[in-house]
Amino acid sequence: MRVGIAGYGLAGRYFHAPLLKGCGYEVVAIQTSNADRAGHALEDFPNAEVVATIEELVAHKLDLVVVASANLVHAEHAFAAINAGIPVVIDKPMGRTFAETAEIISAGERAGVPVSTFFNRRWDSDALTIKKVLASGVLGTIHRMDSRFERFRPELNKASWRENMSAADGGGQLLDLQPHLISTAIDWFGKAELVTSTVRTIRGGADDDAVLVLKHDSGVLSILSASVVVGAPGPRIRILGSKGALVINDLDPQEALLKAGKIPMGGKWDVPTKSKTFIHRGDSVEEIVGEDGNYATFYTLVAGAIAGTNPWPISNDDALLVAHIIDQARNNALHV
């Protein structure tokens, strides 16, 4: 399949490009107006054409466009692909607001062009392991889940648009890491409504500390923390049930592998990608064998969806629910 990538920063170069290559896609064209990134694109894909505008990108004969650009232009780039009749995958968040997300999805539906979003964390080792553990019933009845992406970056990165742009332009943790936390929470425990939220700016710049509490229809309470000002990060995930608790402390290893230049050729990693997983029952702690994570599964499923052999890996209903919860969190946040 012939694919064009819009944007070649962190998301485009280190997440989408290597996964596409590993899954057998041909990267035909890459859009970036940044000279350094254009150099990176040609270094990584010497046979690809590097173009400056989205119009030039979609003029190529493509089977898929991947929008990996800044949140500010997700909608603009998605509409260009849709108008050209090319299926499109948009890095999270699909849109900056529920209205923008709904507009992108509606445009795709009107044109008969598939649109989806990249909730790759559903293929983290922890996410796959949790689904297996939940299905086993070993934890009993689940009543609470804590999930977090917490880091300690006390100084603003002046070069990062995510840390400096306003929420209206697509900056901040509520649009950066919370979509992953919300997406996985609803994947594990079903539909949810926001109970309360705090969305704060600690360092100046964009919001850098966002905590959401969700109540799922299943009865589970999810507490989701995305922050870059946590000097003592908590465990990545903790799930509490009537018969025990599941604890995963570490981040899935795939991001580090991708940033190191590794590629899951043939759609599979040739190294272990398990997160250490523990079941706690008071003083008793048992380590269990986790599942290997594999983001490449997303693009394997995308290829199948374009060919008509399987559904798209992420439903647009989930993309809309995530966007709805993010809007609620920002509009109803407690200011403490």
Protein backbone atom coordinates (compact mmCIF):
# COMPACT_ATOMS: atom_id res chain seq x y z
CA MET A 1 0.00 0.00 0.00
CA ARG A 2 1.20 3.48 -0.93
CA VAL A 3 1.12 5.92 1.99
CA GLY A 4 1.81 9.60 2.50
CA ILE A 5 2.78 11.03 5.90
CA ALA A 6 1.80 14.60 6.85
CA GLY A 7 4.26 15.89 9.45
CA TYR A 8 7.66 14.41 10.32
CA GLY A 9 8.33 15.37 13.92
CA LEU A 10 8.13 13.06 16.92
CA ALA A 11 4.89 11.34 15.87
CA GLY A 12 5.64 11.06 12.17
CA ARG A 13 9.26 9.98 12.35
CA TYR A 14 9.39 7.84 15.48
CA PHE A 15 5.92 6.27 15.66
CA HIS A 16 4.13 6.14 12.32
CA ALA A 17 6.98 5.85 9.81
CA PRO A 18 8.74 2.81 11.34
CA LEU A 19 5.43 1.02 11.96
CA LEU A 20 4.32 1.63 8.38
CA LYS A 21 7.66 0.39 7.07
CA GLY A 22 7.55 -2.67 9.32
CA CYS A 23 4.05 -3.53 8.08
CA GLY A 24 5.09 -3.40 4.43
CA TYR A 25 3.63 -0.06 3.38
CA GLU A 26 5.50 1.95 0.75
CA VAL A 27 6.13 5.49 2.03
CA VAL A 28 5.72 7.46 -1.19
CA ALA A 29 5.58 11.04 0.04
CA ILE A 30 6.23 13.00 3.25
CA GLN A 31 4.95 16.51 3.93
CA THR A 32 6.95 18.93 6.06
CA SER A 33 7.91 22.57 5.70
CA ASN A 34 10.77 22.22 8.19
CA ALA A 35 14.17 21.92 6.49
CA ASP A 36 15.69 19.74 9.22
CA ARG A 37 12.76 17.36 9.17
CA ALA A 38 12.85 17.23 5.38
CA GLY A 39 16.44 16.05 5.73
CA HIS A 40 15.39 13.40 8.22
CA ALA A 41 12.65 12.22 5.86
CA LEU A 42 15.07 11.78 2.95
CA GLU A 43 17.57 10.07 5.23
CA ASP A 44 14.93 7.58 6.35
CA PHE A 45 13.15 7.17 2.98
CA PRO A 46 15.51 8.12 0.12
CA ASN A 47 12.94 7.14 -2.51
CA ALA A 48 10.11 9.23 -1.04
CA GLU A 49 9.22 12.67 -2.33
CA VAL A 50 9.33 15.36 0.34
CA VAL A 51 6.79 18.13 -0.20
CA ALA A 52 5.98 21.34 1.63
CA THR A 53 2.18 21.35 1.52
CA ILE A 54 -0.68 18.95 2.19
CA GLU A 55 -2.03 19.70 -1.29
CA GLU A 56 1.15 18.37 -2.84
CA LEU A 57 1.01 15.29 -0.63
CA VAL A 58 -2.54 14.26 -1.56
CA ALA A 59 -1.83 14.85 -5.25
CA HIS A 60 0.14 11.59 -5.18
CA LYS A 61 -1.56 8.29 -5.94
CA LEU A 62 -2.01 7.06 -2.36
CA ASP A 63 -3.91 4.30 -0.57
CA LEU A 64 -3.59 6.01 2.84
CA VAL A 65 -2.68 9.37 4.35
CA VAL A 66 -1.33 9.47 7.91
CA VAL A 67 -1.77 12.83 9.63
CA ALA A 68 1.09 13.15 12.12
CA SER A 69 1.29 16.93 12.09
CA ALA A 70 0.67 19.37 14.95
CA ASN A 71 -2.81 19.27 16.49
CA LEU A 72 -3.42 22.77 15.11
CA VAL A 73 -3.68 21.42 11.53
CA HIS A 74 -5.12 17.93 12.08
CA ALA A 75 -8.51 18.96 10.69
CA GLU A 76 -7.05 20.87 7.72
CA HIS A 77 -4.87 17.91 6.73
CA ALA A 78 -7.66 15.38 7.27
CA PHE A 79 -10.07 17.37 5.09
CA ALA A 80 -7.45 17.53 2.31
CA ALA A 81 -7.12 13.73 2.34
CA ILE A 82 -10.89 13.22 2.50
CA ASN A 83 -11.50 15.62 -0.39
CA ALA A 84 -8.92 13.69 -2.41
CA GLY A 85 -10.78 10.44 -1.65
CA ILE A 86 -7.91 8.92 0.35
CA PRO A 87 -8.50 6.98 3.60
CA VAL A 88 -6.88 8.78 6.51
CA VAL A 89 -5.43 7.89 9.93
CA ILE A 90 -5.05 10.87 12.27
CA ASP A 91 -2.69 10.86 15.22
CA LYS A 92 -4.43 11.43 18.54
CA PRO A 93 -6.31 13.57 19.25
CA MET A 94 -8.29 13.42 16.02
CA GLY A 95 -9.56 16.95 16.68
CA ARG A 96 -8.88 19.59 19.34
CA THR A 97 -12.53 19.59 20.40
CA PHE A 98 -15.58 17.36 20.13
CA ALA A 99 -16.97 19.66 17.42
CA GLU A 100 -13.80 19.43 15.33
CA THR A 101 -13.63 15.65 15.77
CA ALA A 102 -17.28 15.28 14.74
CA GLU A 103 -16.69 17.53 11.73
CA ILE A 104 -13.81 15.34 10.50
CA ILE A 105 -15.82 12.14 10.94
CA SER A 106 -18.89 13.64 9.24
CA ALA A 107 -16.78 14.83 6.30
CA GLY A 108 -15.46 11.30 5.85
CA GLU A 109 -18.95 9.81 6.03
CA ARG A 110 -20.34 12.27 3.46
CA ALA A 111 -17.48 11.52 1.08
CA GLY A 112 -17.51 7.78 1.71
CA VAL A 113 -13.86 7.98 2.83
CA PRO A 114 -12.74 6.00 5.91
CA VAL A 115 -11.33 8.07 8.79
CA SER A 116 -9.73 6.70 11.96
CA THR A 117 -7.47 7.77 14.80
CA PHE A 118 -4.24 6.38 16.28
CA PHE A 119 -4.94 5.13 19.80
CA ASN A 120 -1.80 3.00 19.70
CA ARG A 121 -1.64 2.54 23.48
CA ARG A 122 -4.35 -0.09 23.16
CA TRP A 123 -1.51 -2.28 21.90
CA ASP A 124 0.83 -1.58 24.82
CA SER A 125 1.94 -4.66 26.71
CA ASP A 126 0.03 -3.42 29.75
CA ALA A 127 -3.20 -2.91 27.78
CA LEU A 128 -3.10 -6.39 26.25
CA THR A 129 -2.13 -8.00 29.56
CA ILE A 130 -4.95 -6.23 31.38
CA LYS A 131 -7.56 -7.45 28.89
CA LYS A 132 -6.33 -11.01 29.44
CA VAL A 133 -6.36 -10.66 33.24
CA LEU A 134 -9.82 -9.08 33.26
CA ALA A 135 -11.17 -11.91 31.11
CA SER A 136 -9.75 -14.47 33.56
CA GLY A 137 -11.70 -13.03 36.51
CA VAL A 138 -8.71 -13.51 38.82
CA LEU A 139 -9.16 -10.01 40.29
CA GLY A 140 -12.84 -10.53 41.09
CA THR A 141 -15.14 -7.53 40.71
CA ILE A 142 -13.19 -4.44 39.62
CA HIS A 143 -14.09 -1.24 41.43
CA ARG A 144 -11.25 1.20 40.72
CA MET A 145 -8.42 1.82 38.28
CA ASP A 146 -5.55 4.33 38.42
CA SER A 147 -3.72 5.00 35.16
CA ARG A 148 -1.07 7.63 34.64
CA PHE A 149 1.56 9.13 32.40
CA GLU A 150 3.62 11.09 34.92
CA ARG A 151 7.02 12.64 34.31
CA PHE A 152 9.27 15.20 35.94
CA ARG A 153 10.19 18.06 33.62
CA PRO A 154 10.36 21.11 35.88
CA GLU A 155 11.41 23.47 33.08
CA LEU A 156 9.37 24.31 29.99
CA ASN A 157 10.79 23.08 26.69
CA LYS A 158 10.69 26.28 24.65
CA ALA A 159 11.01 24.28 21.41
CA SER A 160 7.94 22.09 22.08
CA TRP A 161 4.63 23.26 20.62
CA ARG A 162 2.84 20.80 22.94
CA GLU A 163 4.20 22.62 25.99
CA ASN A 164 3.68 26.18 24.77
CA MET A 165 0.63 26.33 22.50
CA SER A 166 -2.74 27.22 23.97
CA ALA A 167 -5.44 24.59 24.29
CA ALA A 168 -7.28 26.29 21.41
CA ASP A 169 -4.24 25.67 19.21
CA GLY A 170 -3.82 22.09 20.42
CA GLY A 171 -1.26 22.31 23.23
CA GLY A 172 -1.26 20.79 26.72
CA GLN A 173 -1.49 17.45 28.46
CA LEU A 174 -5.26 17.21 28.16
CA LEU A 175 -4.81 16.83 24.40
CA ASP A 176 -1.45 15.06 24.46
CA LEU A 177 -1.53 12.15 26.91
CA GLN A 178 -5.06 12.12 28.32
CA PRO A 179 -6.49 10.76 25.01
CA HIS A 180 -4.41 7.61 25.55
CA LEU A 181 -5.53 7.27 29.17
CA ILE A 182 -9.20 7.77 28.32
CA SER A 183 -9.05 5.51 25.27
CA THR A 184 -7.59 2.57 27.16
CA ALA A 185 -9.92 3.08 30.14
CA ILE A 186 -13.04 2.85 27.95
CA ASP A 187 -11.55 -0.08 26.06
CA TRP A 188 -11.15 -2.02 29.32
CA PHE A 189 -14.25 -0.97 31.25
CA GLY A 190 -16.72 0.43 28.71
CA LYS A 191 -18.43 3.76 28.24
CA ALA A 192 -17.89 6.41 30.88
CA GLU A 193 -18.87 9.88 32.02
CA LEU A 194 -16.65 12.47 33.63
CA VAL A 195 -17.15 12.85 37.39
CA THR A 196 -14.63 15.64 38.03
CA SER A 197 -11.37 17.02 36.70
CA THR A 198 -8.53 19.42 37.42
CA VAL A 199 -6.63 20.92 34.49
CA ARG A 200 -3.83 23.19 35.61
CA THR A 201 -0.75 25.05 34.40
CA ILE A 202 2.09 24.74 36.90
CA ARG A 203 5.10 25.95 34.89
CA GLY A 204 3.41 28.52 32.65
CA GLY A 205 2.75 27.65 29.01
CA ALA A 206 0.14 25.00 28.22
CA ASP A 207 -1.71 22.87 30.80
CA ASP A 208 0.84 20.46 32.26
CA ASP A 209 -1.11 18.73 35.04
CA ALA A 210 -4.46 17.13 34.20
CA VAL A 211 -6.33 14.69 36.45
CA LEU A 212 -9.67 13.18 35.41
CA VAL A 213 -12.07 10.92 37.30
CA LEU A 214 -14.43 8.81 35.17
CA LYS A 215 -17.39 6.64 36.18
CA HIS A 216 -17.92 3.76 33.75
CA ASP A 217 -21.33 2.26 33.07
CA SER A 218 -19.82 -0.97 34.42
CA GLY A 219 -19.39 0.69 37.84
CA VAL A 220 -15.61 1.04 37.68
CA LEU A 221 -14.09 4.37 38.74
CA SER A 222 -11.04 5.43 36.67
CA ILE A 223 -8.59 8.03 37.96
CA LEU A 224 -6.39 9.29 35.12
CA SER A 225 -3.32 11.48 35.63
CA ALA A 226 -1.28 13.13 32.85
CA SER A 227 1.41 15.40 34.24
CA VAL A 228 4.98 16.52 33.60
CA VAL A 229 5.49 18.00 37.05
CA VAL A 230 5.54 14.86 39.20
CA GLY A 231 8.81 14.38 41.05
CA ALA A 232 7.74 10.93 42.28
CA PRO A 233 5.66 9.26 39.53
CA GLY A 234 3.20 6.59 40.66
CA PRO A 235 2.81 3.15 39.06
CA ARG A 236 1.84 3.20 35.40
CA ILE A 237 -1.38 1.30 36.18
CA ARG A 238 -3.09 -0.09 39.28
CA ILE A 239 -6.39 -1.97 39.05
CA LEU A 240 -8.27 -2.83 42.25
CA GLY A 241 -10.66 -5.78 42.44
CA SER A 242 -12.48 -7.70 45.16
CA LYS A 243 -9.93 -10.54 45.00
CA GLY A 244 -6.71 -8.62 44.45
CA ALA A 245 -4.95 -5.84 42.56
CA LEU A 246 -2.94 -5.67 39.36
CA VAL A 247 0.09 -3.35 39.34
CA ILE A 248 2.31 -2.39 36.40
CA ASN A 249 5.05 0.08 37.26
CA ASP A 250 6.89 0.65 34.00
CA LEU A 251 6.10 2.18 30.62
CA ASP A 252 5.70 -0.21 27.69
CA PRO A 253 9.14 -0.61 26.00
CA GLN A 254 8.00 0.04 22.42
CA GLU A 255 8.40 3.82 22.48
CA ALA A 256 12.04 3.47 23.52
CA LEU A 257 12.62 0.86 20.79
CA LEU A 258 11.11 3.11 18.11
CA LYS A 259 13.13 6.14 19.24
CA ALA A 260 16.26 3.96 19.08
CA GLY A 261 15.54 3.27 15.42
CA LYS A 262 14.16 -0.27 15.79
CA ILE A 263 11.46 -1.44 13.36
CA PRO A 264 8.96 -4.29 13.83
CA MET A 265 9.63 -5.89 10.46
CA GLY A 266 6.88 -8.14 9.20
CA GLY A 267 4.58 -6.46 11.70
CA LYS A 268 6.21 -8.10 14.73
CA TRP A 269 9.01 -7.25 17.13
CA ASP A 270 12.03 -9.57 17.26
CA VAL A 271 12.70 -8.64 20.91
CA PRO A 272 10.49 -9.05 24.02
CA THR A 273 8.07 -6.16 24.56
CA LYS A 274 6.53 -7.23 27.86
CA SER A 275 5.91 -4.97 30.85
CA LYS A 276 6.43 -6.59 34.26
CA THR A 277 3.06 -7.32 35.78
CA PHE A 278 2.22 -8.14 39.40
CA ILE A 279 -0.87 -9.39 41.21
CA HIS A 280 -1.05 -8.13 44.80
CA ARG A 281 -3.17 -9.71 47.54
CA GLY A 282 -2.15 -7.76 50.62
CA ASP A 283 1.36 -8.90 51.56
CA SER A 284 1.35 -11.57 48.85
CA VAL A 285 2.82 -10.45 45.52
CA GLU A 286 2.87 -12.69 42.44
CA GLU A 287 4.58 -11.78 39.16
CA ILE A 288 2.67 -13.01 36.11
CA VAL A 289 3.77 -13.27 32.49
CA GLY A 290 2.57 -10.25 30.53
CA GLU A 291 1.61 -10.05 26.87
CA ASP A 292 4.04 -8.64 24.31
CA GLY A 293 2.99 -5.21 23.12
CA ASN A 294 2.79 -4.55 19.38
CA TYR A 295 1.79 -1.19 17.88
CA ALA A 296 2.28 -2.67 14.39
CA THR A 297 -1.00 -4.53 14.87
CA PHE A 298 -2.76 -1.21 14.31
CA TYR A 299 -1.38 -0.80 10.79
CA THR A 300 -1.84 -4.47 9.98
CA LEU A 301 -5.53 -3.97 10.79
CA VAL A 302 -5.66 -0.70 8.82
CA ALA A 303 -4.40 -2.55 5.73
CA GLY A 304 -7.07 -5.18 6.26
CA ALA A 305 -9.76 -2.52 6.70
CA ILE A 306 -8.79 -0.80 3.45
CA ALA A 307 -8.87 -4.20 1.72
CA GLY A 308 -12.28 -4.91 3.29
CA THR A 309 -11.21 -7.98 5.27
CA ASN A 310 -11.65 -6.61 8.81
CA PRO A 311 -13.11 -3.59 10.65
CA TRP A 312 -11.05 -0.47 11.34
CA PRO A 313 -9.01 -0.94 14.54
CA ILE A 314 -10.46 2.10 16.33
CA SER A 315 -14.15 2.96 16.14
CA ASN A 316 -15.13 6.56 15.52
CA ASP A 317 -17.62 6.22 18.38
CA ASP A 318 -14.62 5.81 20.69
CA ALA A 319 -12.89 8.83 19.13
CA LEU A 320 -16.03 10.91 19.74
CA LEU A 321 -16.41 9.71 23.33
CA VAL A 322 -12.78 10.57 24.11
CA ALA A 323 -13.25 14.03 22.58
CA HIS A 324 -16.48 14.54 24.55
CA ILE A 325 -14.78 13.67 27.85
CA ILE A 326 -11.86 16.00 27.07
CA ASP A 327 -14.26 18.87 26.35
CA GLN A 328 -16.09 18.16 29.62
CA ALA A 329 -12.81 18.02 31.54
CA ARG A 330 -11.65 21.38 30.26
CA ASN A 331 -14.99 23.13 30.62
CA ASN A 332 -15.85 21.74 34.06
CA ALA A 333 -12.40 21.55 35.63
CA LEU A 334 -12.03 22.43 39.29
CA HIS A 335 -9.60 25.32 39.67
CA VAL A 336 -7.57 24.42 42.75
